[in-house]
Amino acid sequence: MFGYVGYSNEELDELYSALIEASRKDKIGEKYGYSSHDDGFGIVVYTEDNLFHFRSTKPIYKEKLNLPEFNGKIYAIFHALNAHDKDLLSPIFEHPFMVSNGNQVMYMAHNGVVDKQQLMENLGIKGVYNDTEAALEYLNKNGLNGISDLEDYTKSSLNVIILNLDKKSRSGTIYFKNFYHDESKSDYLDMYTAVLPHGKAVVSSTLTLYGIDRYARVTTKSMSNLEEIH
């Protein structure tokens, strides 16, 4: 997955292409049994005059979209899924997920597994959720500062990218968090920030092997709270 803030459709497409190839062949993840991410994908892009949200169960490398030409500042999240729960394969359960309240609209993509049942019991909710949905409901109730609480529910990793849209100002913000338990998989679970000529991105590790490594980058591991891309 990746998040992007910037002004370039070309950079967005370059990141998109890198995610396609990383999802087709995950050169780092295959060491841990994750050879491809073929359970679908999702996109959200926000600009001053566009809000584009798309989700599909087709592998991202089998359905590249012709994205519209975006004007002005671009806020984007792209995610390719390797589902933990194969019973929840549907466009309904593709990332990024969305919630809304009186102050904001939030979209979130997540790599890793959190304890869905404990979160649902904490929130007093019932029904059909996947773990990322439950985590986003927690943030919707408790605010973005509640992200550190989710570490207590994390089974593997809490690698998240969030697009927050302020209803009053209409402004967008991309946040991310990189947290995991298993240090032996740090080469796979570390996330990286990349400084591009016309923007900035946060990317999952394997994207750095598909062209993104030519940009200045730094690991983002072990953040207690959310970091902002700006």
C-alpha atoms as a PDB file:
ATOM      1  CA  MET A   1       0.000   0.000   0.000  1.00  0.00           C
ATOM      2  CA  PHE A   2       0.985   3.639  -0.227  1.00  0.00           C
ATOM      3  CA  GLY A   3      -0.197   7.091   0.698  1.00  0.00           C
ATOM      4  CA  TYR A   4       0.643  10.179  -1.345  1.00  0.00           C
ATOM      5  CA  VAL A   5       0.379  13.936  -0.891  1.00  0.00           C
ATOM      6  CA  GLY A   6       1.528  16.078  -3.785  1.00  0.00           C
ATOM      7  CA  TYR A   7       0.770  17.785  -7.054  1.00  0.00           C
ATOM      8  CA  SER A   8       1.730  15.271  -9.735  1.00  0.00           C
ATOM      9  CA  ASN A   9      -0.504  12.826 -11.590  1.00  0.00           C
ATOM     10  CA  GLU A  10       2.679  11.285 -13.007  1.00  0.00           C
ATOM     11  CA  GLU A  11       4.064  10.566  -9.530  1.00  0.00           C
ATOM     12  CA  LEU A  12       0.736   9.084  -8.475  1.00  0.00           C
ATOM     13  CA  ASP A  13       0.775   6.806 -11.517  1.00  0.00           C
ATOM     14  CA  GLU A  14       4.388   5.804 -10.814  1.00  0.00           C
ATOM     15  CA  LEU A  15       3.443   4.756  -7.287  1.00  0.00           C
ATOM     16  CA  TYR A  16       0.361   2.959  -8.623  1.00  0.00           C
ATOM     17  CA  SER A  17       2.514   1.020 -11.104  1.00  0.00           C
ATOM     18  CA  ALA A  18       4.981   0.102  -8.352  1.00  0.00           C
ATOM     19  CA  LEU A  19       2.125  -1.236  -6.208  1.00  0.00           C
ATOM     20  CA  ILE A  20       0.847  -3.297  -9.132  1.00  0.00           C
ATOM     21  CA  GLU A  21       4.210  -4.984  -9.590  1.00  0.00           C
ATOM     22  CA  ALA A  22       4.801  -5.408  -5.849  1.00  0.00           C
ATOM     23  CA  SER A  23       1.382  -7.066  -5.575  1.00  0.00           C
ATOM     24  CA  ARG A  24       2.052  -9.348  -8.530  1.00  0.00           C
ATOM     25  CA  LYS A  25       5.330 -10.535  -6.993  1.00  0.00           C
ATOM     26  CA  ASP A  26       6.069  -9.541  -3.409  1.00  0.00           C
ATOM     27  CA  LYS A  27       9.830 -10.056  -3.407  1.00  0.00           C
ATOM     28  CA  ILE A  28      10.127  -9.496   0.339  1.00  0.00           C
ATOM     29  CA  GLY A  29       6.851 -11.037   1.460  1.00  0.00           C
ATOM     30  CA  GLU A  30       7.468 -14.292  -0.398  1.00  0.00           C
ATOM     31  CA  LYS A  31      10.068 -15.151   2.245  1.00  0.00           C
ATOM     32  CA  TYR A  32       7.177 -15.275   4.721  1.00  0.00           C
ATOM     33  CA  GLY A  33       4.596 -16.948   2.492  1.00  0.00           C
ATOM     34  CA  TYR A  34       3.080 -13.820   0.922  1.00  0.00           C
ATOM     35  CA  SER A  35       4.003 -14.237  -2.730  1.00  0.00           C
ATOM     36  CA  SER A  36       1.250 -12.025  -4.143  1.00  0.00           C
ATOM     37  CA  HIS A  37      -1.608  -9.776  -3.074  1.00  0.00           C
ATOM     38  CA  ASP A  38      -4.472 -11.009  -5.213  1.00  0.00           C
ATOM     39  CA  ASP A  39      -7.573 -10.557  -3.046  1.00  0.00           C
ATOM     40  CA  GLY A  40      -8.580  -7.217  -4.530  1.00  0.00           C
ATOM     41  CA  PHE A  41      -7.625  -3.584  -4.165  1.00  0.00           C
ATOM     42  CA  GLY A  42      -8.957  -0.161  -3.333  1.00  0.00           C
ATOM     43  CA  ILE A  43      -8.233   3.485  -4.002  1.00  0.00           C
ATOM     44  CA  VAL A  44      -9.268   6.804  -2.540  1.00  0.00           C
ATOM     45  CA  VAL A  45      -8.140  10.128  -4.010  1.00  0.00           C
ATOM     46  CA  TYR A  46      -9.185  13.547  -2.744  1.00  0.00           C
ATOM     47  CA  THR A  47      -8.631  16.942  -4.349  1.00  0.00           C
ATOM     48  CA  GLU A  48     -10.411  20.269  -4.059  1.00  0.00           C
ATOM     49  CA  ASP A  49     -12.941  19.207  -6.692  1.00  0.00           C
ATOM     50  CA  ASN A  50     -12.822  15.375  -6.668  1.00  0.00           C
ATOM     51  CA  LEU A  51     -13.389  12.516  -4.258  1.00  0.00           C
ATOM     52  CA  PHE A  52     -12.669   9.231  -6.011  1.00  0.00           C
ATOM     53  CA  HIS A  53     -13.239   5.979  -4.091  1.00  0.00           C
ATOM     54  CA  PHE A  54     -13.003   2.628  -5.843  1.00  0.00           C
ATOM     55  CA  ARG A  55     -12.858  -0.967  -4.565  1.00  0.00           C
ATOM     56  CA  SER A  56     -12.649  -4.244  -6.470  1.00  0.00           C
ATOM     57  CA  THR A  57     -12.117  -7.927  -5.709  1.00  0.00           C
ATOM     58  CA  LYS A  58      -9.991  -8.344  -8.842  1.00  0.00           C
ATOM     59  CA  PRO A  59      -6.219  -8.426  -8.328  1.00  0.00           C
ATOM     60  CA  ILE A  60      -4.738  -4.980  -8.803  1.00  0.00           C
ATOM     61  CA  TYR A  61      -2.403  -6.357 -11.477  1.00  0.00           C
ATOM     62  CA  LYS A  62      -5.385  -7.570 -13.534  1.00  0.00           C
ATOM     63  CA  GLU A  63      -7.420  -4.354 -13.503  1.00  0.00           C
ATOM     64  CA  LYS A  64      -5.407  -1.162 -13.832  1.00  0.00           C
ATOM     65  CA  LEU A  65      -7.747   1.816 -13.846  1.00  0.00           C
ATOM     66  CA  ASN A  66      -7.483   4.813 -16.126  1.00  0.00           C
ATOM     67  CA  LEU A  67      -7.568   7.415 -13.396  1.00  0.00           C
ATOM     68  CA  PRO A  68      -9.013  10.861 -14.042  1.00  0.00           C
ATOM     69  CA  GLU A  69      -6.660  13.810 -14.348  1.00  0.00           C
ATOM     70  CA  PHE A  70      -6.513  15.336 -10.877  1.00  0.00           C
ATOM     71  CA  ASN A  71      -5.945  19.062 -10.412  1.00  0.00           C
ATOM     72  CA  GLY A  72      -4.289  20.845  -7.504  1.00  0.00           C
ATOM     73  CA  LYS A  73      -3.131  19.116  -4.352  1.00  0.00           C
ATOM     74  CA  ILE A  74      -3.685  15.358  -4.354  1.00  0.00           C
ATOM     75  CA  TYR A  75      -4.287  13.182  -1.287  1.00  0.00           C
ATOM     76  CA  ALA A  76      -4.343   9.467  -2.082  1.00  0.00           C
ATOM     77  CA  ILE A  77      -4.321   5.985  -0.556  1.00  0.00           C
ATOM     78  CA  PHE A  78      -3.876   2.830  -2.664  1.00  0.00           C
ATOM     79  CA  HIS A  79      -4.089  -0.646  -1.127  1.00  0.00           C
ATOM     80  CA  ALA A  80      -3.759  -4.198  -2.480  1.00  0.00           C
ATOM     81  CA  LEU A  81      -5.229  -6.937  -0.320  1.00  0.00           C
ATOM     82  CA  ASN A  82      -3.880 -10.251   0.887  1.00  0.00           C
ATOM     83  CA  ALA A  83      -6.877 -11.074   3.060  1.00  0.00           C
ATOM     84  CA  HIS A  84      -6.489 -12.603   6.511  1.00  0.00           C
ATOM     85  CA  ASP A  85     -10.143 -13.695   6.470  1.00  0.00           C
ATOM     86  CA  LYS A  86     -10.920 -15.227   3.070  1.00  0.00           C
ATOM     87  CA  ASP A  87     -14.620 -15.449   4.010  1.00  0.00           C
ATOM     88  CA  LEU A  88     -14.874 -11.671   3.693  1.00  0.00           C
ATOM     89  CA  LEU A  89     -13.859 -11.253   0.060  1.00  0.00           C
ATOM     90  CA  SER A  90     -16.164  -8.647  -1.442  1.00  0.00           C
ATOM     91  CA  PRO A  91     -15.901  -5.035  -2.628  1.00  0.00           C
ATOM     92  CA  ILE A  92     -17.662  -4.233   0.655  1.00  0.00           C
ATOM     93  CA  PHE A  93     -14.612  -5.422   2.592  1.00  0.00           C
ATOM     94  CA  GLU A  94     -11.844  -3.947   0.459  1.00  0.00           C
ATOM     95  CA  HIS A  95      -9.653  -1.181   1.834  1.00  0.00           C
ATOM     96  CA  PRO A  96      -9.706   1.778   2.225  1.00  0.00           C
ATOM     97  CA  PHE A  97     -12.685   1.736   4.590  1.00  0.00           C
ATOM     98  CA  MET A  98     -14.682   4.879   5.291  1.00  0.00           C
ATOM     99  CA  VAL A  99     -16.457   6.306   8.347  1.00  0.00           C
ATOM    100  CA  SER A 100     -18.017   9.701   8.925  1.00  0.00           C
ATOM    101  CA  ASN A 101     -19.181  11.829  11.829  1.00  0.00           C
ATOM    102  CA  GLY A 102     -20.193  15.444  12.321  1.00  0.00           C
ATOM    103  CA  ASN A 103     -16.635  16.722  12.078  1.00  0.00           C
ATOM    104  CA  GLN A 104     -14.775  14.553   9.622  1.00  0.00           C
ATOM    105  CA  VAL A 105     -14.704  11.785   7.058  1.00  0.00           C
ATOM    106  CA  MET A 106     -11.966   9.174   7.471  1.00  0.00           C
ATOM    107  CA  TYR A 107     -10.617   6.577   5.063  1.00  0.00           C
ATOM    108  CA  MET A 108      -8.186   3.936   6.318  1.00  0.00           C
ATOM    109  CA  ALA A 109      -6.094   1.169   4.780  1.00  0.00           C
ATOM    110  CA  HIS A 110      -4.327  -1.327   7.020  1.00  0.00           C
ATOM    111  CA  ASN A 111      -1.791  -4.109   6.707  1.00  0.00           C
ATOM    112  CA  GLY A 112      -1.775  -6.543   9.605  1.00  0.00           C
ATOM    113  CA  VAL A 113      -4.266  -8.129  11.983  1.00  0.00           C
ATOM    114  CA  VAL A 114      -5.978  -6.698  15.053  1.00  0.00           C
ATOM    115  CA  ASP A 115      -8.318  -8.486  17.468  1.00  0.00           C
ATOM    116  CA  LYS A 116     -11.699  -7.824  15.901  1.00  0.00           C
ATOM    117  CA  GLN A 117     -13.762  -9.542  18.582  1.00  0.00           C
ATOM    118  CA  GLN A 118     -12.221  -7.609  21.455  1.00  0.00           C
ATOM    119  CA  LEU A 119     -12.648  -4.340  19.583  1.00  0.00           C
ATOM    120  CA  MET A 120     -16.285  -5.070  18.817  1.00  0.00           C
ATOM    121  CA  GLU A 121     -16.951  -5.955  22.456  1.00  0.00           C
ATOM    122  CA  ASN A 122     -15.224  -2.747  23.564  1.00  0.00           C
ATOM    123  CA  LEU A 123     -17.349  -0.706  21.158  1.00  0.00           C
ATOM    124  CA  GLY A 124     -20.568  -2.589  21.904  1.00  0.00           C
ATOM    125  CA  ILE A 125     -21.177  -3.317  18.229  1.00  0.00           C
ATOM    126  CA  LYS A 126     -22.476  -6.451  16.540  1.00  0.00           C
ATOM    127  CA  GLY A 127     -22.754  -7.657  12.988  1.00  0.00           C
ATOM    128  CA  VAL A 128     -20.297  -8.391  10.206  1.00  0.00           C
ATOM    129  CA  TYR A 129     -17.038  -6.445  10.365  1.00  0.00           C
ATOM    130  CA  ASN A 130     -13.516  -7.172   9.369  1.00  0.00           C
ATOM    131  CA  ASP A 131     -10.726  -6.193  11.731  1.00  0.00           C
ATOM    132  CA  THR A 132      -9.791  -2.978   9.911  1.00  0.00           C
ATOM    133  CA  GLU A 133     -13.407  -1.817   9.956  1.00  0.00           C
ATOM    134  CA  ALA A 134     -13.573  -2.412  13.703  1.00  0.00           C
ATOM    135  CA  ALA A 135     -10.336  -0.479  14.211  1.00  0.00           C
ATOM    136  CA  LEU A 136     -11.675   2.434  12.176  1.00  0.00           C
ATOM    137  CA  GLU A 137     -14.912   2.432  14.173  1.00  0.00           C
ATOM    138  CA  TYR A 138     -12.751   2.709  17.294  1.00  0.00           C
ATOM    139  CA  LEU A 139     -11.000   5.780  15.874  1.00  0.00           C
ATOM    140  CA  ASN A 140     -14.310   7.282  14.816  1.00  0.00           C
ATOM    141  CA  LYS A 141     -15.547   6.976  18.401  1.00  0.00           C
ATOM    142  CA  ASN A 142     -12.339   7.909  20.237  1.00  0.00           C
ATOM    143  CA  GLY A 143     -10.595  10.225  17.789  1.00  0.00           C
ATOM    144  CA  LEU A 144      -7.291   9.847  16.001  1.00  0.00           C
ATOM    145  CA  ASN A 145      -5.430   9.977  19.312  1.00  0.00           C
ATOM    146  CA  GLY A 146      -6.931   6.555  19.981  1.00  0.00           C
ATOM    147  CA  ILE A 147      -4.501   5.051  17.477  1.00  0.00           C
ATOM    148  CA  SER A 148      -2.021   4.216  20.250  1.00  0.00           C
ATOM    149  CA  ASP A 149      -4.754   2.238  22.064  1.00  0.00           C
ATOM    150  CA  LEU A 150      -5.008  -0.055  19.052  1.00  0.00           C
ATOM    151  CA  GLU A 151      -1.520  -1.389  19.733  1.00  0.00           C
ATOM    152  CA  ASP A 152      -3.066  -3.372  22.605  1.00  0.00           C
ATOM    153  CA  TYR A 153      -5.389  -5.089  20.115  1.00  0.00           C
ATOM    154  CA  THR A 154      -2.701  -5.763  17.510  1.00  0.00           C
ATOM    155  CA  LYS A 155      -1.929  -9.404  16.770  1.00  0.00           C
ATOM    156  CA  SER A 156       0.680  -8.889  14.054  1.00  0.00           C
ATOM    157  CA  SER A 157       1.069  -5.356  12.715  1.00  0.00           C
ATOM    158  CA  LEU A 158      -0.741  -2.047  12.803  1.00  0.00           C
ATOM    159  CA  ASN A 159       0.548  -0.491   9.608  1.00  0.00           C
ATOM    160  CA  VAL A 160      -2.098   2.054   8.672  1.00  0.00           C
ATOM    161  CA  ILE A 161      -2.588   4.987   6.329  1.00  0.00           C
ATOM    162  CA  ILE A 162      -5.467   7.365   7.033  1.00  0.00           C
ATOM    163  CA  LEU A 163      -6.990  10.119   4.915  1.00  0.00           C
ATOM    164  CA  ASN A 164      -8.788  12.558   7.193  1.00  0.00           C
ATOM    165  CA  LEU A 165     -11.158  15.100   5.616  1.00  0.00           C
ATOM    166  CA  ASP A 166     -12.248  18.006   7.779  1.00  0.00           C
ATOM    167  CA  LYS A 167     -15.880  18.862   7.005  1.00  0.00           C
ATOM    168  CA  LYS A 168     -15.625  22.496   8.082  1.00  0.00           C
ATOM    169  CA  SER A 169     -12.422  23.503   6.323  1.00  0.00           C
ATOM    170  CA  ARG A 170     -12.721  20.886   3.523  1.00  0.00           C
ATOM    171  CA  SER A 171      -9.014  20.229   4.078  1.00  0.00           C
ATOM    172  CA  GLY A 172      -7.341  16.849   3.732  1.00  0.00           C
ATOM    173  CA  THR A 173      -4.566  15.234   5.756  1.00  0.00           C
ATOM    174  CA  ILE A 174      -2.747  11.932   5.292  1.00  0.00           C
ATOM    175  CA  TYR A 175      -1.530  10.204   8.449  1.00  0.00           C
ATOM    176  CA  PHE A 176       0.316   6.927   8.849  1.00  0.00           C
ATOM    177  CA  LYS A 177       1.472   4.589  11.598  1.00  0.00           C
ATOM    178  CA  ASN A 178       4.027   1.763  11.471  1.00  0.00           C
ATOM    179  CA  PHE A 179       3.813  -0.696  14.374  1.00  0.00           C
ATOM    180  CA  TYR A 180       4.476  -4.427  14.631  1.00  0.00           C
ATOM    181  CA  HIS A 181       5.513  -7.127  17.090  1.00  0.00           C
ATOM    182  CA  ASP A 182       7.776  -9.510  15.163  1.00  0.00           C
ATOM    183  CA  GLU A 183      11.207  -7.924  14.754  1.00  0.00           C
ATOM    184  CA  SER A 184      12.369 -10.910  12.690  1.00  0.00           C
ATOM    185  CA  LYS A 185      10.120  -9.645   9.870  1.00  0.00           C
ATOM    186  CA  SER A 186      11.267  -6.030  10.027  1.00  0.00           C
ATOM    187  CA  ASP A 187      12.455  -6.092   6.403  1.00  0.00           C
ATOM    188  CA  TYR A 188       8.855  -6.828   5.403  1.00  0.00           C
ATOM    189  CA  LEU A 189       6.933  -4.840   7.996  1.00  0.00           C
ATOM    190  CA  ASP A 190       8.915  -1.603   7.966  1.00  0.00           C
ATOM    191  CA  MET A 191       7.288   1.259   6.077  1.00  0.00           C
ATOM    192  CA  TYR A 192       9.191   4.027   4.326  1.00  0.00           C
ATOM    193  CA  THR A 193       8.686   7.659   3.481  1.00  0.00           C
ATOM    194  CA  ALA A 194       9.806   8.770   0.024  1.00  0.00           C
ATOM    195  CA  VAL A 195      10.506  12.354  -1.011  1.00  0.00           C
ATOM    196  CA  LEU A 196       9.488  12.853  -4.638  1.00  0.00           C
ATOM    197  CA  PRO A 197      10.047  15.986  -6.763  1.00  0.00           C
ATOM    198  CA  HIS A 198       6.429  17.133  -6.439  1.00  0.00           C
ATOM    199  CA  GLY A 199       5.175  15.304  -3.373  1.00  0.00           C
ATOM    200  CA  LYS A 200       5.808  12.885  -0.567  1.00  0.00           C
ATOM    201  CA  ALA A 201       4.732   9.278  -0.058  1.00  0.00           C
ATOM    202  CA  VAL A 202       4.680   6.579   2.572  1.00  0.00           C
ATOM    203  CA  VAL A 203       5.039   3.087   1.135  1.00  0.00           C
ATOM    204  CA  SER A 204       5.118  -0.539   2.193  1.00  0.00           C
ATOM    205  CA  SER A 205       8.533  -2.159   1.995  1.00  0.00           C
ATOM    206  CA  THR A 206       8.237  -4.051  -1.287  1.00  0.00           C
ATOM    207  CA  LEU A 207       7.428  -0.907  -3.283  1.00  0.00           C
ATOM    208  CA  THR A 208      10.991   0.231  -2.656  1.00  0.00           C
ATOM    209  CA  LEU A 209      12.126  -2.627  -4.916  1.00  0.00           C
ATOM    210  CA  TYR A 210      10.041  -1.402  -7.845  1.00  0.00           C
ATOM    211  CA  GLY A 211      11.519   2.000  -8.606  1.00  0.00           C
ATOM    212  CA  ILE A 212      10.657   3.945  -5.467  1.00  0.00           C
ATOM    213  CA  ASP A 213      14.137   3.279  -4.060  1.00  0.00           C
ATOM    214  CA  ARG A 214      15.559   5.998  -6.322  1.00  0.00           C
ATOM    215  CA  TYR A 215      13.940   8.624  -4.127  1.00  0.00           C
ATOM    216  CA  ALA A 216      15.246   9.701  -0.734  1.00  0.00           C
ATOM    217  CA  ARG A 217      13.592   7.442   1.818  1.00  0.00           C
ATOM    218  CA  VAL A 218      13.696   6.657   5.495  1.00  0.00           C
ATOM    219  CA  THR A 219      12.154   3.923   7.618  1.00  0.00           C
ATOM    220  CA  THR A 220       9.157   4.967   9.708  1.00  0.00           C
ATOM    221  CA  LYS A 221       9.147   2.054  12.163  1.00  0.00           C
ATOM    222  CA  SER A 222       8.096   2.219  15.840  1.00  0.00           C
ATOM    223  CA  MET A 223       5.939   5.328  15.953  1.00  0.00           C
ATOM    224  CA  SER A 224       3.746   5.625  19.023  1.00  0.00           C
ATOM    225  CA  ASN A 225       1.324   8.043  17.381  1.00  0.00           C
ATOM    226  CA  LEU A 226       0.307   9.037  13.895  1.00  0.00           C
ATOM    227  CA  GLU A 227       2.717  10.885  11.625  1.00  0.00           C
ATOM    228  CA  GLU A 228       1.535  13.299   8.961  1.00  0.00           C
ATOM    229  CA  ILE A 229       2.647  13.424   5.334  1.00  0.00           C
ATOM    230  CA  HIS A 230       2.934  17.039   4.197  1.00  0.00           C
END
